[in-house]
Amino acid sequence: MRRIAVFLLLLVALPALAQERIDLKLDVSEAEAVLAILGKRAAGQSVGEADWQALFNTLPYQRLKKREASLHRDFTDQDFQQFVATLDRRRAELRQTLDAWKKADLRAAAERALRYLPGEARIRASVYPMIKPKPNSFVFETSTDPAIFLYLDPAVPGPQFENTVAHELHHVGLASLSAAYDKRIQALPPNPRKVAEWLGAFGEGVAMLAAAGSPDVHPVADFPPSDRQRWDEDMKYFSNQQQELDQFFLDIVHDFYNNLDAADHEAFTFFGYRGPWYLVGYRMAVTIETQFGHAALVETLKDPRQFLTKYNQAAAASNAQGGERLPLFSDEILKAVGIESPAAKAEK
């Protein structure tokens, strides 16, 4: 009887614990302000300074300007006014899309992401669906005041929107653990520390898995068929992409680059449109979960170096079972970042 009571208590407590780890705010003020201006234009009414200031004073717009400035990109109120003037024909579809997105279950998306995060992780973020010139979505200030900027795209239905939000929220959750990881790798020499930092980019692939919800669900099931076709085609080159990243890490260790800024520049080329950080990271995560279980995968996310080590173990186990031969990361990389390979430990 006591065991039943404890079990029932856990059933009640688990949702409450998830509740404490999630803090989301949906802010559509920028999009609503743009649509208000478009509504006036459609009705033949004049758009005055007060209308523009109502837009420019919204928090999402202010933070978008801050983000673009941090990347040294031109972004002026005058340019944005000119952009809004091009949207008259899209007013109806933008309104319909925003209304649909406002009904999305963001908490469910957060809970999906939370399932692939360690217990210490927290998801705290502002979500900004935005009408803006560039058709990109991204996270900003993840270590201080996390924000997710989402391009308001009429071609994106509700399920795809929720998948994108879950993906970005997983990044926010991982970022909540970054301070502890940074402290662990602080004592490493500059080049190995740079490798250790970039190991975190495999989080793109883990976020793909988290947003899908399971290795049994195709990672782009909520996207157009063309996305799935491209993902499947690109995944055929997993081994080549994994070896590219292995060589990239070795090049940093061997001081191949003139400076570490050059290494960063090279690392950014691996993002692309679901490039190697996504594809390789996803396959690594699925391999770990398939071989050792969900809990083992989640445990590695506290330290990206352990993610690399666990993948090598999982890939070796998969290879021993006679399946598709999976490539391993070089032991030299593991040693450089302060993690011994299982093989090296066994020799001692």
Protein backbone atom coordinates (compact mmCIF):
# COMPACT_ATOMS: atom_id res chain seq x y z
CA MET A 1 0.00 0.00 0.00
CA ARG A 2 2.84 2.34 0.87
CA ARG A 3 4.50 1.74 -2.53
CA ILE A 4 1.24 2.64 -4.29
CA ALA A 5 0.99 5.84 -2.27
CA VAL A 6 4.56 6.81 -3.15
CA PHE A 7 3.92 6.06 -6.83
CA LEU A 8 0.78 8.24 -6.84
CA LEU A 9 2.72 11.02 -5.13
CA LEU A 10 5.35 10.88 -7.87
CA LEU A 11 2.67 11.09 -10.55
CA VAL A 12 1.44 14.31 -8.98
CA ALA A 13 4.92 15.69 -8.32
CA LEU A 14 6.43 15.15 -11.79
CA PRO A 15 4.18 17.66 -13.62
CA ALA A 16 4.80 20.14 -10.83
CA LEU A 17 8.56 19.72 -11.21
CA ALA A 18 8.28 20.26 -14.96
CA GLN A 19 6.21 23.36 -14.24
CA GLU A 20 9.01 24.80 -12.10
CA ARG A 21 11.57 24.22 -14.86
CA ILE A 22 9.59 26.05 -17.56
CA ASP A 23 9.00 29.79 -17.80
CA LEU A 24 7.76 30.92 -21.23
CA LYS A 25 6.41 34.24 -22.44
CA LEU A 26 4.83 34.68 -25.86
CA ASP A 27 5.20 38.28 -27.07
CA VAL A 28 3.49 39.08 -30.39
CA SER A 29 3.53 42.86 -29.90
CA GLU A 30 5.88 43.57 -32.82
CA ALA A 31 3.84 41.50 -35.27
CA GLU A 32 0.59 43.03 -34.03
CA ALA A 33 2.02 46.55 -34.44
CA VAL A 34 3.07 45.81 -38.03
CA LEU A 35 -0.36 44.37 -38.81
CA ALA A 36 -2.03 47.42 -37.28
CA ILE A 37 -0.06 49.65 -39.67
CA LEU A 38 -0.95 47.41 -42.61
CA GLY A 39 -4.58 47.55 -41.53
CA LYS A 40 -4.55 51.34 -41.65
CA ARG A 41 -2.93 51.30 -45.08
CA ALA A 42 -5.57 48.86 -46.33
CA ALA A 43 -8.35 51.13 -45.04
CA GLY A 44 -6.81 54.16 -46.73
CA GLN A 45 -5.96 55.79 -43.41
CA SER A 46 -2.75 57.73 -42.85
CA VAL A 47 -0.01 56.10 -40.80
CA GLY A 48 1.43 58.62 -38.39
CA GLU A 49 4.51 58.89 -36.21
CA ALA A 50 2.60 57.47 -33.24
CA ASP A 51 1.92 54.27 -35.21
CA TRP A 52 5.58 53.83 -36.05
CA GLN A 53 6.69 54.57 -32.51
CA ALA A 54 4.22 51.99 -31.22
CA LEU A 55 6.07 49.48 -33.40
CA PHE A 56 9.60 50.67 -32.65
CA ASN A 57 8.95 50.67 -28.90
CA THR A 58 7.91 47.01 -28.74
CA LEU A 59 10.34 44.83 -26.84
CA PRO A 60 10.78 42.28 -29.67
CA TYR A 61 11.72 45.07 -32.11
CA GLN A 62 14.15 46.65 -29.65
CA ARG A 63 15.83 43.31 -29.00
CA LEU A 64 16.02 42.52 -32.71
CA LYS A 65 17.86 45.81 -33.26
CA LYS A 66 20.20 44.92 -30.40
CA ARG A 67 20.90 41.52 -31.89
CA GLU A 68 21.63 42.89 -35.36
CA ALA A 69 23.92 45.54 -33.84
CA SER A 70 25.84 42.81 -31.99
CA LEU A 71 26.52 41.21 -35.37
CA HIS A 72 27.51 44.57 -36.91
CA ARG A 73 24.58 44.49 -39.33
CA ASP A 74 22.81 47.59 -40.61
CA PHE A 75 19.33 47.93 -39.15
CA THR A 76 17.53 51.28 -39.15
CA ASP A 77 13.97 52.34 -38.43
CA GLN A 78 13.81 53.93 -41.87
CA ASP A 79 14.81 50.66 -43.56
CA PHE A 80 12.17 48.84 -41.56
CA GLN A 81 9.50 51.35 -42.59
CA GLN A 82 10.37 50.69 -46.22
CA PHE A 83 10.14 46.93 -45.57
CA VAL A 84 6.67 47.26 -44.02
CA ALA A 85 5.51 49.20 -47.09
CA THR A 86 6.14 46.06 -49.20
CA LEU A 87 3.79 43.86 -47.16
CA ASP A 88 0.34 45.12 -48.18
CA ARG A 89 -0.47 42.08 -50.32
CA ARG A 90 0.62 39.73 -47.53
CA ARG A 91 -1.46 41.31 -44.76
CA ALA A 92 -4.23 38.69 -44.74
CA GLU A 93 -1.92 35.68 -44.75
CA LEU A 94 0.31 37.20 -42.09
CA ARG A 95 -2.72 37.83 -39.87
CA GLN A 96 -3.99 34.29 -40.39
CA THR A 97 -0.57 32.82 -39.59
CA LEU A 98 -0.09 34.88 -36.45
CA ASP A 99 -3.54 33.94 -35.17
CA ALA A 100 -2.75 30.25 -35.77
CA TRP A 101 0.64 30.45 -34.07
CA LYS A 102 -0.89 32.15 -31.05
CA LYS A 103 -2.91 28.98 -30.50
CA ALA A 104 0.16 26.71 -30.53
CA ASP A 105 0.87 24.70 -27.39
CA LEU A 106 4.25 26.14 -26.46
CA ARG A 107 4.25 24.40 -23.09
CA ALA A 108 3.96 21.03 -24.81
CA ALA A 109 6.89 22.02 -27.01
CA ALA A 110 8.89 22.95 -23.90
CA GLU A 111 8.03 19.67 -22.19
CA ARG A 112 9.16 17.78 -25.29
CA ALA A 113 12.50 19.61 -25.15
CA LEU A 114 12.74 19.08 -21.39
CA ARG A 115 12.58 15.31 -21.82
CA TYR A 116 15.97 15.51 -23.54
CA LEU A 117 17.58 17.69 -20.89
CA PRO A 118 19.25 16.86 -17.56
CA GLY A 119 17.29 17.58 -14.40
CA GLU A 120 19.37 20.67 -13.66
CA ALA A 121 18.34 22.35 -16.92
CA ARG A 122 15.74 25.11 -16.98
CA ILE A 123 13.80 26.53 -19.90
CA ARG A 124 13.19 30.24 -19.45
CA ALA A 125 12.58 32.24 -22.60
CA SER A 126 10.59 34.89 -24.38
CA VAL A 127 9.18 33.74 -27.73
CA TYR A 128 8.87 36.41 -30.41
CA PRO A 129 6.96 35.59 -33.63
CA MET A 130 8.13 38.48 -35.81
CA ILE A 131 7.40 40.13 -39.12
CA LYS A 132 10.89 41.04 -40.27
CA PRO A 133 13.00 41.26 -43.43
CA LYS A 134 15.23 38.22 -42.93
CA PRO A 135 13.47 34.81 -43.03
CA ASN A 136 15.52 33.30 -40.22
CA SER A 137 14.75 32.05 -36.71
CA PHE A 138 17.30 32.06 -33.91
CA VAL A 139 18.01 32.32 -30.19
CA PHE A 140 19.59 35.35 -28.55
CA GLU A 141 21.17 36.13 -25.18
CA THR A 142 20.71 32.56 -23.98
CA SER A 143 22.92 33.07 -20.92
CA THR A 144 21.23 36.24 -19.67
CA ASP A 145 17.72 36.85 -20.99
CA PRO A 146 16.92 34.03 -23.45
CA ALA A 147 14.83 34.97 -26.46
CA ILE A 148 13.63 32.99 -29.45
CA PHE A 149 12.98 35.00 -32.61
CA LEU A 150 10.72 33.23 -35.10
CA TYR A 151 10.14 34.50 -38.63
CA LEU A 152 6.38 34.67 -39.21
CA ASP A 153 6.08 32.44 -42.24
CA PRO A 154 2.65 31.62 -43.74
CA ALA A 155 4.20 28.50 -45.28
CA VAL A 156 4.82 27.07 -41.79
CA PRO A 157 1.84 25.19 -40.32
CA GLY A 158 1.23 24.75 -36.59
CA PRO A 159 3.05 21.39 -36.11
CA GLN A 160 6.17 22.67 -37.88
CA PHE A 161 6.06 25.84 -35.78
CA GLU A 162 5.85 23.80 -32.55
CA ASN A 163 8.73 21.60 -33.72
CA THR A 164 10.87 24.68 -34.38
CA VAL A 165 10.00 26.12 -30.97
CA ALA A 166 10.87 22.80 -29.27
CA HIS A 167 14.22 22.78 -31.10
CA GLU A 168 15.07 26.31 -30.01
CA LEU A 169 13.86 25.71 -26.46
CA HIS A 170 16.23 22.76 -26.22
CA HIS A 171 19.07 25.18 -27.00
CA VAL A 172 17.83 27.45 -24.23
CA GLY A 173 17.76 24.52 -21.80
CA LEU A 174 21.29 23.45 -22.73
CA ALA A 175 22.48 27.03 -22.36
CA SER A 176 21.26 26.99 -18.75
CA LEU A 177 23.98 24.38 -18.11
CA SER A 178 26.76 26.18 -19.97
CA ALA A 179 28.24 28.03 -16.99
CA ALA A 180 29.03 24.77 -15.22
CA TYR A 181 30.62 23.32 -18.37
CA ASP A 182 32.65 26.47 -19.02
CA LYS A 183 34.05 26.16 -15.52
CA ARG A 184 35.08 22.54 -16.14
CA ILE A 185 37.04 23.35 -19.29
CA GLN A 186 38.51 26.65 -18.12
CA ALA A 187 41.86 25.10 -17.15
CA LEU A 188 42.44 23.53 -20.57
CA PRO A 189 45.06 25.11 -22.87
CA PRO A 190 43.56 27.49 -25.47
CA ASN A 191 43.40 25.07 -28.41
CA PRO A 192 41.88 22.10 -26.55
CA ARG A 193 39.50 24.51 -24.83
CA LYS A 194 38.36 25.73 -28.24
CA VAL A 195 37.67 22.12 -29.24
CA ALA A 196 35.73 21.57 -26.02
CA GLU A 197 33.67 24.68 -26.72
CA TRP A 198 32.78 23.60 -30.24
CA LEU A 199 31.74 20.14 -29.08
CA GLY A 200 28.65 21.92 -27.81
CA ALA A 201 27.57 22.53 -31.41
CA PHE A 202 26.45 18.90 -31.57
CA GLY A 203 23.52 20.25 -29.57
CA GLU A 204 21.94 21.10 -32.93
CA GLY A 205 21.57 17.41 -33.63
CA VAL A 206 20.33 16.61 -30.14
CA ALA A 207 17.75 19.40 -30.52
CA MET A 208 16.54 17.74 -33.74
CA LEU A 209 15.97 14.53 -31.78
CA ALA A 210 14.34 16.35 -28.87
CA ALA A 211 11.95 18.24 -31.16
CA ALA A 212 10.95 14.98 -32.86
CA GLY A 213 10.40 13.40 -29.45
CA SER A 214 11.93 10.00 -30.15
CA PRO A 215 14.39 8.15 -32.41
CA ASP A 216 11.31 6.40 -33.80
CA VAL A 217 9.97 9.67 -35.25
CA HIS A 218 11.65 11.09 -38.34
CA PRO A 219 13.44 14.31 -37.31
CA VAL A 220 11.71 16.39 -40.00
CA ALA A 221 8.36 14.61 -40.01
CA ASP A 222 6.58 17.93 -39.36
CA PHE A 223 8.26 19.62 -42.32
CA PRO A 224 7.52 19.52 -46.07
CA PRO A 225 8.38 16.28 -47.92
CA SER A 226 11.27 18.03 -49.66
CA ASP A 227 12.91 18.58 -46.26
CA ARG A 228 12.66 14.88 -45.47
CA GLN A 229 14.06 13.94 -48.86
CA ARG A 230 17.02 16.28 -48.39
CA TRP A 231 17.67 15.07 -44.83
CA ASP A 232 17.66 11.41 -45.91
CA GLU A 233 19.95 12.17 -48.84
CA ASP A 234 22.40 14.15 -46.71
CA MET A 235 22.42 11.46 -44.02
CA LYS A 236 23.89 9.04 -46.57
CA TYR A 237 27.13 11.03 -46.18
CA PHE A 238 27.19 10.77 -42.40
CA SER A 239 30.60 9.03 -42.33
CA ASN A 240 32.18 11.68 -44.53
CA GLN A 241 30.73 14.49 -42.44
CA GLN A 242 31.82 12.85 -39.20
CA GLN A 243 35.36 12.53 -40.54
CA GLU A 244 35.32 16.20 -41.59
CA LEU A 245 34.50 17.20 -38.02
CA ASP A 246 37.07 14.78 -36.62
CA GLN A 247 39.73 16.40 -38.81
CA PHE A 248 38.50 19.87 -37.84
CA PHE A 249 39.01 19.07 -34.15
CA LEU A 250 42.43 17.56 -34.85
CA ASP A 251 43.43 20.64 -36.85
CA ILE A 252 42.65 22.81 -33.83
CA VAL A 253 44.60 20.51 -31.51
CA HIS A 254 47.57 20.57 -33.91
CA ASP A 255 47.40 24.39 -34.20
CA PHE A 256 46.72 24.18 -37.93
CA TYR A 257 44.81 27.48 -37.99
CA ASN A 258 46.63 30.79 -37.89
CA ASN A 259 44.50 31.80 -34.93
CA LEU A 260 41.46 30.58 -33.10
CA ASP A 261 39.24 33.12 -34.84
CA ALA A 262 40.03 31.27 -38.07
CA ALA A 263 38.97 28.04 -36.37
CA ASP A 264 35.68 29.68 -35.38
CA HIS A 265 35.13 30.79 -38.97
CA GLU A 266 35.62 27.22 -40.16
CA ALA A 267 33.29 25.88 -37.47
CA PHE A 268 30.47 28.14 -38.61
CA THR A 269 30.61 26.60 -42.09
CA PHE A 270 29.42 23.32 -40.58
CA PHE A 271 26.02 24.79 -39.66
CA GLY A 272 24.67 25.49 -43.14
CA TYR A 273 21.15 24.28 -43.81
CA ARG A 274 21.09 21.43 -41.30
CA GLY A 275 24.75 20.79 -41.95
CA PRO A 276 27.17 18.46 -40.11
CA TRP A 277 26.50 19.84 -36.63
CA TYR A 278 22.86 18.81 -37.14
CA LEU A 279 23.24 15.58 -39.07
CA VAL A 280 26.24 14.16 -37.24
CA GLY A 281 24.99 15.33 -33.84
CA TYR A 282 21.61 13.72 -34.47
CA ARG A 283 23.09 10.40 -35.56
CA MET A 284 25.41 10.41 -32.55
CA ALA A 285 22.50 11.05 -30.17
CA VAL A 286 20.34 8.35 -31.74
CA THR A 287 23.22 5.86 -31.62
CA ILE A 288 23.77 6.53 -27.91
CA GLU A 289 20.07 6.28 -27.07
CA THR A 290 19.64 3.11 -29.13
CA GLN A 291 22.61 1.37 -27.54
CA PHE A 292 22.48 2.57 -23.93
CA GLY A 293 19.04 4.07 -23.38
CA HIS A 294 17.48 7.49 -23.02
CA ALA A 295 18.86 8.24 -19.54
CA ALA A 296 22.44 7.56 -20.68
CA LEU A 297 22.08 10.04 -23.54
CA VAL A 298 20.59 12.76 -21.33
CA GLU A 299 23.40 12.32 -18.78
CA THR A 300 26.02 13.14 -21.44
CA LEU A 301 24.43 16.52 -22.15
CA LYS A 302 25.91 17.95 -18.96
CA ASP A 303 29.33 17.74 -20.60
CA PRO A 304 29.70 17.65 -24.43
CA ARG A 305 33.01 15.80 -24.00
CA GLN A 306 31.10 12.91 -22.46
CA PHE A 307 28.70 13.04 -25.41
CA LEU A 308 31.66 12.40 -27.71
CA THR A 309 33.01 9.60 -25.53
CA LYS A 310 29.62 7.91 -25.18
CA TYR A 311 29.10 8.06 -28.92
CA ASN A 312 32.41 6.28 -29.50
CA GLN A 313 31.31 3.56 -27.07
CA ALA A 314 27.88 3.27 -28.69
CA ALA A 315 29.33 3.21 -32.21
CA ALA A 316 31.84 0.51 -31.22
CA ALA A 317 29.01 -1.56 -29.72
CA SER A 318 26.93 -1.10 -32.87
CA ASN A 319 29.87 -2.09 -35.08
CA ALA A 320 30.42 -5.23 -32.99
CA GLN A 321 26.80 -6.19 -33.62
CA GLY A 322 27.50 -6.29 -37.35
CA GLY A 323 25.40 -3.32 -38.46
CA GLU A 324 26.44 -0.37 -40.60
CA ARG A 325 30.01 0.49 -39.68
CA LEU A 326 30.05 3.80 -37.83
CA PRO A 327 33.21 5.92 -37.67
CA LEU A 328 34.72 6.89 -34.32
CA PHE A 329 36.30 10.13 -33.17
CA SER A 330 40.05 10.10 -32.64
CA ASP A 331 41.32 9.24 -29.16
CA GLU A 332 43.74 12.15 -29.54
CA ILE A 333 40.79 14.56 -29.42
CA LEU A 334 39.42 13.00 -26.25
CA LYS A 335 42.82 13.13 -24.59
CA ALA A 336 43.32 16.77 -25.60
CA VAL A 337 40.07 17.89 -23.99
CA GLY A 338 40.79 15.99 -20.80
CA ILE A 339 38.70 12.84 -21.36
CA GLU A 340 40.38 9.47 -21.71
CA SER A 341 38.97 6.99 -24.19
CA PRO A 342 37.62 3.69 -22.80
CA ALA A 343 40.37 1.86 -24.71
CA ALA A 344 43.09 3.94 -23.06
CA LYS A 345 41.61 3.32 -19.63
CA ALA A 346 41.48 -0.41 -20.29
CA GLU A 347 45.20 -0.48 -21.09
CA LYS A 348 46.13 0.89 -17.65
